[in-house]
């Protein structure tokens, strides 16, 4: 029975901590989304009556002023909120990835698909497109992700 070296144990613990940190960030984003959705639902129900009156007035005003734009749809506002949250998570992820040391690796050709010249990996909205058989420096969480994904990155000096 082989024992794990202390270095491997520390690395495994670090990876587990990173995974937990990412999961916690995702939970925070999900909670924020749920809170914003609840707020939107409340404002939608409150403004429904006002919206009917505004729509009626907008149709009346449309004949008077053709340049005036109609009120924005709630779905567009929701989409913008989701986009904003995704960008926020992406920025936090980028900040965290910049803190990690970089490792120089080469990803070998895929024997099952020799025409596949790129490997793609992503974390929280940050996507890395890595050319195979070319040395590249990447943050350690991306290298670990590639290793777990079966891309077999080879560390080079």
N, C-alpha and C. Protein backbone atom coordinates (compact mmCIF):
# COMPACT_ATOMS: atom_id res chain seq x y z
N UNK A 1 0.85 -1.18 0.00
CA UNK A 1 0.00 0.00 0.00
C UNK A 1 0.90 1.24 0.00
N UNK A 2 0.77 2.06 -1.03
CA UNK A 2 1.62 3.25 -1.17
C UNK A 2 1.06 4.39 -0.31
N UNK A 3 1.98 5.11 0.32
CA UNK A 3 1.56 6.26 1.11
C UNK A 3 1.79 7.52 0.29
N UNK A 4 0.97 8.50 0.54
CA UNK A 4 1.06 9.77 -0.18
C UNK A 4 2.07 10.67 0.51
N UNK A 5 2.93 11.30 -0.29
CA UNK A 5 3.95 12.17 0.29
C UNK A 5 3.29 13.43 0.85
N UNK A 6 3.97 14.08 1.80
CA UNK A 6 3.41 15.32 2.38
C UNK A 6 3.18 16.40 1.31
N UNK A 7 4.07 16.44 0.32
CA UNK A 7 3.93 17.45 -0.75
C UNK A 7 2.64 17.21 -1.53
N UNK A 8 2.36 15.94 -1.83
CA UNK A 8 1.13 15.61 -2.56
C UNK A 8 -0.09 15.88 -1.70
N UNK A 9 0.02 15.62 -0.40
CA UNK A 9 -1.10 15.88 0.50
C UNK A 9 -1.40 17.38 0.55
N UNK A 10 -0.32 18.20 0.63
CA UNK A 10 -0.52 19.66 0.64
C UNK A 10 -1.14 20.13 -0.67
N UNK A 11 -0.67 19.59 -1.77
CA UNK A 11 -1.20 19.98 -3.09
C UNK A 11 -2.68 19.57 -3.20
N UNK A 12 -2.99 18.37 -2.72
CA UNK A 12 -4.37 17.90 -2.77
C UNK A 12 -5.25 18.78 -1.89
N UNK A 13 -4.76 19.14 -0.71
CA UNK A 13 -5.51 20.01 0.20
C UNK A 13 -5.73 21.38 -0.44
N UNK A 14 -4.70 21.89 -1.12
CA UNK A 14 -4.80 23.19 -1.79
C UNK A 14 -5.87 23.14 -2.88
N UNK A 15 -5.87 22.07 -3.65
CA UNK A 15 -6.87 21.93 -4.71
C UNK A 15 -8.26 21.82 -4.11
N UNK A 16 -8.40 21.05 -3.04
CA UNK A 16 -9.70 20.93 -2.39
C UNK A 16 -10.18 22.28 -1.86
N UNK A 17 -9.25 23.06 -1.31
CA UNK A 17 -9.60 24.40 -0.82
C UNK A 17 -10.04 25.29 -1.97
N UNK A 18 -9.34 25.19 -3.11
CA UNK A 18 -9.70 26.00 -4.29
C UNK A 18 -11.09 25.62 -4.79
N UNK A 19 -11.36 24.33 -4.83
CA UNK A 19 -12.67 23.87 -5.29
C UNK A 19 -13.76 24.38 -4.35
N UNK A 20 -13.50 24.29 -3.04
CA UNK A 20 -14.48 24.78 -2.07
C UNK A 20 -14.68 26.28 -2.22
N UNK A 21 -13.60 27.03 -2.48
CA UNK A 21 -13.71 28.48 -2.65
C UNK A 21 -14.58 28.81 -3.87
N UNK A 22 -14.36 28.08 -4.95
CA UNK A 22 -15.16 28.30 -6.16
C UNK A 22 -16.62 27.95 -5.89
N UNK A 23 -16.86 26.86 -5.18
CA UNK A 23 -18.23 26.48 -4.86
C UNK A 23 -18.91 27.54 -3.99
N UNK A 24 -18.17 28.09 -3.04
CA UNK A 24 -18.73 29.13 -2.19
C UNK A 24 -19.07 30.37 -3.01
N UNK A 25 -18.18 30.72 -3.95
CA UNK A 25 -18.45 31.87 -4.82
C UNK A 25 -19.70 31.62 -5.66
N UNK A 26 -19.84 30.40 -6.16
CA UNK A 26 -21.02 30.08 -6.96
C UNK A 26 -22.28 30.16 -6.11
N UNK A 27 -22.19 29.71 -4.85
CA UNK A 27 -23.35 29.80 -3.96
C UNK A 27 -23.71 31.26 -3.69
N UNK A 28 -22.69 32.11 -3.52
CA UNK A 28 -22.95 33.53 -3.30
C UNK A 28 -23.66 34.14 -4.50
N UNK A 29 -23.18 33.81 -5.68
CA UNK A 29 -23.79 34.34 -6.90
C UNK A 29 -25.23 33.85 -7.01
N UNK A 30 -25.45 32.59 -6.70
CA UNK A 30 -26.81 32.03 -6.77
C UNK A 30 -27.72 32.74 -5.77
N UNK A 31 -27.22 32.99 -4.57
CA UNK A 31 -28.03 33.71 -3.57
C UNK A 31 -28.35 35.12 -4.05
N UNK A 32 -27.34 35.79 -4.64
CA UNK A 32 -27.57 37.13 -5.17
C UNK A 32 -28.63 37.10 -6.27
N UNK A 33 -28.55 36.10 -7.13
CA UNK A 33 -29.52 35.97 -8.22
C UNK A 33 -30.92 35.76 -7.65
N UNK A 34 -31.03 34.90 -6.64
CA UNK A 34 -32.33 34.63 -6.04
C UNK A 34 -32.89 35.89 -5.39
N UNK A 35 -32.03 36.65 -4.69
CA UNK A 35 -32.49 37.89 -4.05
C UNK A 35 -32.95 38.89 -5.10
N UNK A 36 -32.17 39.03 -6.16
CA UNK A 36 -32.55 39.97 -7.22
C UNK A 36 -33.85 39.54 -7.90
N UNK A 37 -34.00 38.23 -8.07
CA UNK A 37 -35.23 37.73 -8.69
C UNK A 37 -36.43 38.03 -7.80
N UNK A 38 -36.27 37.83 -6.49
CA UNK A 38 -37.36 38.14 -5.57
C UNK A 38 -37.70 39.63 -5.62
N UNK A 39 -36.66 40.47 -5.65
CA UNK A 39 -36.90 41.91 -5.73
C UNK A 39 -37.61 42.26 -7.03
N UNK A 40 -37.20 41.63 -8.12
CA UNK A 40 -37.84 41.89 -9.41
C UNK A 40 -39.30 41.47 -9.39
N UNK A 41 -39.55 40.30 -8.81
CA UNK A 41 -40.93 39.83 -8.74
C UNK A 41 -41.80 40.79 -7.94
N UNK A 42 -41.23 41.29 -6.82
CA UNK A 42 -41.98 42.25 -6.01
C UNK A 42 -42.25 43.53 -6.78
N UNK A 43 -41.22 44.05 -7.42
CA UNK A 43 -41.41 45.30 -8.16
C UNK A 43 -42.32 45.10 -9.36
N UNK A 44 -42.27 43.92 -9.95
CA UNK A 44 -43.14 43.65 -11.10
C UNK A 44 -44.60 43.62 -10.66
N UNK A 45 -44.86 42.95 -9.54
CA UNK A 45 -46.25 42.88 -9.09
C UNK A 45 -46.76 44.26 -8.66
N UNK A 46 -45.87 45.04 -8.01
CA UNK A 46 -46.27 46.39 -7.59
C UNK A 46 -46.48 47.31 -8.79
N UNK A 47 -45.63 47.15 -9.77
CA UNK A 47 -45.70 48.07 -10.91
C UNK A 47 -46.60 47.57 -12.03
N UNK A 48 -47.22 46.41 -11.84
CA UNK A 48 -48.09 45.88 -12.88
C UNK A 48 -49.23 46.83 -13.17
N UNK A 49 -49.86 47.31 -12.12
CA UNK A 49 -50.96 48.24 -12.32
C UNK A 49 -50.46 49.54 -12.93
N UNK A 50 -49.31 50.02 -12.43
CA UNK A 50 -48.74 51.22 -13.00
C UNK A 50 -48.35 51.00 -14.45
N UNK A 51 -47.84 49.81 -14.75
CA UNK A 51 -47.43 49.49 -16.11
C UNK A 51 -48.58 49.52 -17.09
N UNK A 52 -49.74 49.02 -16.65
CA UNK A 52 -50.91 49.05 -17.52
C UNK A 52 -51.27 50.49 -17.85
N UNK A 53 -51.25 51.33 -16.84
CA UNK A 53 -51.56 52.74 -17.07
C UNK A 53 -50.51 53.40 -17.96
N UNK A 54 -49.24 53.06 -17.72
CA UNK A 54 -48.17 53.65 -18.52
C UNK A 54 -48.26 53.19 -19.98
N UNK A 55 -48.57 51.90 -20.17
CA UNK A 55 -48.70 51.39 -21.53
C UNK A 55 -49.84 52.11 -22.26
N UNK A 56 -50.95 52.28 -21.55
CA UNK A 56 -52.08 52.96 -22.16
C UNK A 56 -51.68 54.38 -22.55
N UNK A 57 -50.96 55.05 -21.63
CA UNK A 57 -50.51 56.41 -21.91
C UNK A 57 -49.48 56.41 -23.04
N UNK A 58 -48.59 55.41 -23.06
CA UNK A 58 -47.57 55.34 -24.10
C UNK A 58 -48.21 55.19 -25.48
N UNK A 59 -49.26 54.36 -25.56
CA UNK A 59 -49.95 54.20 -26.84
C UNK A 59 -50.61 55.51 -27.27
N UNK A 60 -51.13 56.22 -26.30
CA UNK A 60 -51.74 57.51 -26.63
C UNK A 60 -50.67 58.51 -27.05
N UNK A 61 -49.54 58.51 -26.34
CA UNK A 61 -48.46 59.44 -26.65
C UNK A 61 -47.74 59.06 -27.95
N UNK A 62 -47.79 57.79 -28.32
CA UNK A 62 -47.11 57.33 -29.52
C UNK A 62 -47.61 58.08 -30.75
N UNK A 63 -48.90 58.34 -30.78
CA UNK A 63 -49.47 59.06 -31.91
C UNK A 63 -48.96 60.50 -31.91
N UNK A 64 -48.71 61.05 -30.73
CA UNK A 64 -48.28 62.44 -30.63
C UNK A 64 -46.77 62.59 -30.89
N UNK A 65 -45.94 61.68 -30.33
CA UNK A 65 -44.49 61.79 -30.45
C UNK A 65 -43.91 60.47 -30.95
N UNK A 66 -43.64 60.33 -32.25
CA UNK A 66 -43.14 59.06 -32.79
C UNK A 66 -41.71 58.75 -32.37
N UNK A 67 -40.93 59.73 -31.88
CA UNK A 67 -39.55 59.49 -31.48
C UNK A 67 -39.44 58.89 -30.09
N UNK A 68 -40.49 58.96 -29.30
CA UNK A 68 -40.47 58.46 -27.93
C UNK A 68 -40.43 56.93 -27.93
N UNK A 69 -39.51 56.36 -27.12
CA UNK A 69 -39.34 54.91 -27.05
C UNK A 69 -40.26 54.32 -25.99
N UNK A 70 -40.79 53.10 -26.22
CA UNK A 70 -41.63 52.45 -25.21
C UNK A 70 -40.79 52.00 -24.01
N UNK A 71 -41.46 51.72 -22.90
CA UNK A 71 -40.78 51.28 -21.68
C UNK A 71 -40.07 49.95 -21.93
N UNK A 72 -38.94 49.74 -21.20
CA UNK A 72 -38.15 48.53 -21.37
C UNK A 72 -38.87 47.32 -20.79
N UNK A 73 -38.73 46.18 -21.47
CA UNK A 73 -39.39 44.95 -21.03
C UNK A 73 -38.65 44.37 -19.82
N UNK A 74 -39.38 43.73 -18.90
CA UNK A 74 -38.75 43.16 -17.69
C UNK A 74 -37.72 42.07 -18.02
N UNK A 75 -37.94 41.32 -19.11
CA UNK A 75 -37.00 40.25 -19.46
C UNK A 75 -35.63 40.82 -19.79
N UNK A 76 -35.61 41.96 -20.46
CA UNK A 76 -34.33 42.59 -20.80
C UNK A 76 -33.60 43.03 -19.55
N UNK A 77 -34.34 43.56 -18.60
CA UNK A 77 -33.73 43.99 -17.34
C UNK A 77 -33.16 42.78 -16.59
N UNK A 78 -33.89 41.69 -16.58
CA UNK A 78 -33.43 40.46 -15.93
C UNK A 78 -32.16 39.96 -16.61
N UNK A 79 -32.14 39.96 -17.95
CA UNK A 79 -30.96 39.53 -18.70
C UNK A 79 -29.75 40.39 -18.36
N UNK A 80 -29.97 41.67 -18.24
CA UNK A 80 -28.87 42.58 -17.90
C UNK A 80 -28.34 42.28 -16.49
N UNK A 81 -29.24 41.98 -15.57
CA UNK A 81 -28.82 41.65 -14.20
C UNK A 81 -27.98 40.38 -14.19
N UNK A 82 -28.41 39.39 -14.94
CA UNK A 82 -27.66 38.13 -15.02
C UNK A 82 -26.28 38.39 -15.64
N UNK A 83 -26.24 39.16 -16.72
CA UNK A 83 -24.97 39.50 -17.36
C UNK A 83 -24.04 40.20 -16.38
N UNK A 84 -24.58 41.13 -15.61
CA UNK A 84 -23.79 41.88 -14.66
C UNK A 84 -23.20 40.94 -13.60
N UNK A 85 -24.00 39.99 -13.12
CA UNK A 85 -23.52 39.03 -12.13
C UNK A 85 -22.44 38.14 -12.70
N UNK A 86 -22.60 37.72 -13.94
CA UNK A 86 -21.60 36.86 -14.58
C UNK A 86 -20.29 37.63 -14.74
N UNK A 87 -20.37 38.87 -15.16
CA UNK A 87 -19.16 39.68 -15.30
C UNK A 87 -18.46 39.85 -13.95
N UNK A 88 -19.27 40.06 -12.91
CA UNK A 88 -18.71 40.24 -11.56
C UNK A 88 -17.97 38.97 -11.12
N UNK A 89 -18.58 37.82 -11.35
CA UNK A 89 -17.95 36.55 -11.00
C UNK A 89 -16.69 36.35 -11.85
N UNK A 90 -16.76 36.69 -13.12
CA UNK A 90 -15.60 36.56 -14.01
C UNK A 90 -14.44 37.42 -13.54
N UNK A 91 -14.73 38.64 -13.11
CA UNK A 91 -13.68 39.53 -12.63
C UNK A 91 -13.03 38.97 -11.36
N UNK A 92 -13.85 38.45 -10.45
CA UNK A 92 -13.30 37.85 -9.23
C UNK A 92 -12.43 36.65 -9.56
N UNK A 93 -12.89 35.85 -10.52
CA UNK A 93 -12.12 34.67 -10.92
C UNK A 93 -10.79 35.11 -11.52
N UNK A 94 -10.81 36.13 -12.38
CA UNK A 94 -9.58 36.62 -12.99
C UNK A 94 -8.60 37.10 -11.92
N UNK A 95 -9.11 37.84 -10.93
CA UNK A 95 -8.26 38.32 -9.85
C UNK A 95 -7.64 37.15 -9.09
N UNK A 96 -8.44 36.12 -8.82
CA UNK A 96 -7.92 34.96 -8.11
C UNK A 96 -6.91 34.19 -8.95
N UNK A 97 -7.17 34.05 -10.25
CA UNK A 97 -6.23 33.31 -11.11
C UNK A 97 -4.89 34.03 -11.24
N UNK A 98 -4.90 35.35 -11.19
CA UNK A 98 -3.65 36.11 -11.29
C UNK A 98 -2.75 35.88 -10.07
N UNK A 99 -3.34 35.50 -8.96
CA UNK A 99 -2.56 35.28 -7.73
C UNK A 99 -1.78 33.96 -7.76
N UNK A 100 -2.21 33.02 -8.57
CA UNK A 100 -1.57 31.70 -8.60
C UNK A 100 -0.29 31.72 -9.41
N UNK A 101 0.67 30.88 -9.01
CA UNK A 101 1.88 30.76 -9.83
C UNK A 101 1.52 30.09 -11.16
N UNK A 102 2.34 30.38 -12.15
CA UNK A 102 2.09 29.81 -13.48
C UNK A 102 3.06 28.66 -13.73
N UNK A 103 2.56 27.68 -14.44
CA UNK A 103 3.38 26.53 -14.81
C UNK A 103 3.46 26.47 -16.32
N UNK A 104 4.64 26.14 -16.80
CA UNK A 104 4.84 26.01 -18.25
C UNK A 104 4.55 24.56 -18.62
N UNK A 105 3.60 24.39 -19.54
CA UNK A 105 3.17 23.04 -19.92
C UNK A 105 3.07 22.91 -21.43
N UNK A 106 2.98 21.67 -21.87
CA UNK A 106 2.66 21.35 -23.26
C UNK A 106 1.54 20.32 -23.22
N UNK A 107 0.51 20.54 -24.01
CA UNK A 107 -0.57 19.56 -24.11
C UNK A 107 -0.33 18.74 -25.37
N UNK A 108 -0.21 17.41 -25.23
CA UNK A 108 0.09 16.58 -26.40
C UNK A 108 -1.11 16.48 -27.35
N UNK A 109 -0.81 16.03 -28.57
CA UNK A 109 -1.87 15.79 -29.55
C UNK A 109 -2.80 14.71 -29.04
N UNK A 110 -4.05 14.82 -29.41
CA UNK A 110 -5.05 13.83 -29.04
C UNK A 110 -4.97 12.68 -30.06
N UNK A 111 -4.63 11.51 -29.59
CA UNK A 111 -4.49 10.36 -30.50
C UNK A 111 -5.82 9.97 -31.15
N UNK A 112 -6.90 10.19 -30.43
CA UNK A 112 -8.23 9.83 -30.95
C UNK A 112 -8.72 10.87 -31.97
N UNK A 113 -8.22 12.10 -31.87
CA UNK A 113 -8.64 13.15 -32.78
C UNK A 113 -7.41 13.97 -33.16
N UNK A 114 -6.61 13.49 -34.12
CA UNK A 114 -5.34 14.16 -34.44
C UNK A 114 -5.50 15.54 -35.07
N UNK A 115 -6.68 15.86 -35.57
CA UNK A 115 -6.91 17.17 -36.19
C UNK A 115 -7.31 18.23 -35.16
N UNK A 116 -7.50 17.81 -33.91
CA UNK A 116 -7.86 18.74 -32.85
C UNK A 116 -6.59 19.47 -32.41
N UNK A 117 -6.46 20.73 -32.80
CA UNK A 117 -5.23 21.48 -32.52
C UNK A 117 -5.29 22.31 -31.24
N UNK A 118 -6.46 22.39 -30.62
CA UNK A 118 -6.62 23.19 -29.41
C UNK A 118 -7.31 22.38 -28.32
N UNK A 119 -6.96 22.71 -27.08
CA UNK A 119 -7.66 22.21 -25.91
C UNK A 119 -8.32 23.41 -25.25
N UNK A 120 -9.53 23.23 -24.75
CA UNK A 120 -10.25 24.34 -24.14
C UNK A 120 -10.60 23.98 -22.70
N UNK A 121 -10.32 24.93 -21.80
CA UNK A 121 -10.66 24.75 -20.38
C UNK A 121 -11.21 26.08 -19.87
N UNK A 122 -12.14 26.01 -18.94
CA UNK A 122 -12.72 27.24 -18.42
C UNK A 122 -13.09 27.15 -16.96
N UNK A 123 -12.99 28.30 -16.29
CA UNK A 123 -13.39 28.42 -14.88
C UNK A 123 -14.20 29.70 -14.75
N UNK A 124 -15.45 29.57 -14.33
CA UNK A 124 -16.32 30.72 -14.03
C UNK A 124 -16.28 31.83 -15.08
N UNK A 125 -16.46 31.45 -16.31
CA UNK A 125 -16.54 32.46 -17.36
C UNK A 125 -15.22 32.80 -18.02
N UNK A 126 -14.12 32.31 -17.49
CA UNK A 126 -12.82 32.53 -18.11
C UNK A 126 -12.46 31.28 -18.88
N UNK A 127 -12.37 31.41 -20.18
CA UNK A 127 -12.09 30.27 -21.05
C UNK A 127 -10.68 30.40 -21.60
N UNK A 128 -9.96 29.31 -21.56
CA UNK A 128 -8.60 29.26 -22.08
C UNK A 128 -8.58 28.32 -23.28
N UNK A 129 -8.16 28.83 -24.43
CA UNK A 129 -8.00 28.01 -25.62
C UNK A 129 -6.49 27.82 -25.79
N UNK A 130 -6.02 26.58 -25.63
CA UNK A 130 -4.60 26.30 -25.56
C UNK A 130 -4.20 25.47 -26.77
N UNK A 131 -3.21 25.97 -27.50
CA UNK A 131 -2.75 25.23 -28.68
C UNK A 131 -1.95 24.02 -28.23
N UNK A 132 -2.27 22.89 -28.83
CA UNK A 132 -1.57 21.65 -28.49
C UNK A 132 -0.14 21.69 -29.05
N UNK A 133 0.76 20.98 -28.38
CA UNK A 133 2.16 20.82 -28.75
C UNK A 133 2.93 22.14 -28.78
N UNK A 134 2.45 23.15 -28.06
CA UNK A 134 3.15 24.42 -27.93
C UNK A 134 3.31 24.74 -26.44
N UNK A 135 4.51 25.12 -26.00
CA UNK A 135 4.67 25.47 -24.59
C UNK A 135 3.88 26.72 -24.24
N UNK A 136 3.21 26.69 -23.09
CA UNK A 136 2.39 27.81 -22.65
C UNK A 136 2.40 27.86 -21.13
N UNK A 137 2.38 29.08 -20.56
CA UNK A 137 2.34 29.25 -19.11
C UNK A 137 0.90 29.50 -18.69
N UNK A 138 0.43 28.69 -17.73
CA UNK A 138 -0.94 28.79 -17.25
C UNK A 138 -0.97 28.76 -15.73
N UNK A 139 -2.01 29.37 -15.13
CA UNK A 139 -2.16 29.28 -13.66
C UNK A 139 -2.35 27.82 -13.24
N UNK A 140 -1.85 27.48 -12.07
CA UNK A 140 -1.92 26.10 -11.61
C UNK A 140 -3.34 25.52 -11.56
N UNK A 141 -4.39 26.28 -11.21
CA UNK A 141 -5.72 25.66 -11.22
C UNK A 141 -6.14 25.21 -12.63
N UNK A 142 -5.71 25.93 -13.66
CA UNK A 142 -6.04 25.53 -15.03
C UNK A 142 -5.27 24.27 -15.39
N UNK A 143 -3.99 24.21 -14.99
CA UNK A 143 -3.19 23.01 -15.25
C UNK A 143 -3.83 21.81 -14.56
N UNK A 144 -4.25 21.99 -13.32
CA UNK A 144 -4.90 20.90 -12.59
C UNK A 144 -6.21 20.48 -13.27
N UNK A 145 -6.96 21.46 -13.74
CA UNK A 145 -8.21 21.18 -14.44
C UNK A 145 -7.94 20.38 -15.71
N UNK A 146 -6.92 20.76 -16.45
CA UNK A 146 -6.55 20.02 -17.67
C UNK A 146 -6.12 18.59 -17.34
N UNK A 147 -5.39 18.46 -16.25
CA UNK A 147 -4.94 17.11 -15.85
C UNK A 147 -6.14 16.23 -15.48
N UNK A 148 -7.08 16.81 -14.70
CA UNK A 148 -8.28 16.04 -14.32
C UNK A 148 -9.17 15.76 -15.51
N UNK A 149 -9.10 16.61 -16.53
CA UNK A 149 -9.93 16.44 -17.73
C UNK A 149 -9.34 15.45 -18.73
N UNK A 150 -8.16 14.89 -18.43
CA UNK A 150 -7.57 13.88 -19.31
C UNK A 150 -6.76 14.45 -20.46
N UNK A 151 -6.38 15.72 -20.39
CA UNK A 151 -5.58 16.32 -21.46
C UNK A 151 -4.09 16.01 -21.32
N UNK A 152 -3.70 15.44 -20.20
CA UNK A 152 -2.32 15.02 -19.94
C UNK A 152 -1.29 16.12 -20.19
N UNK A 153 -1.39 17.24 -19.50
CA UNK A 153 -0.39 18.29 -19.71
C UNK A 153 0.98 17.85 -19.19
N UNK A 154 2.01 18.15 -19.95
CA UNK A 154 3.37 17.81 -19.58
C UNK A 154 4.07 19.09 -19.12
N UNK A 155 4.58 19.06 -17.91
CA UNK A 155 5.28 20.23 -17.40
C UNK A 155 6.66 20.31 -18.03
N UNK A 156 7.04 21.50 -18.49
CA UNK A 156 8.35 21.70 -19.11
C UNK A 156 9.06 22.84 -18.38
N UNK A 157 10.35 22.92 -18.60
CA UNK A 157 11.14 23.99 -17.94
C UNK A 157 11.50 25.06 -18.90
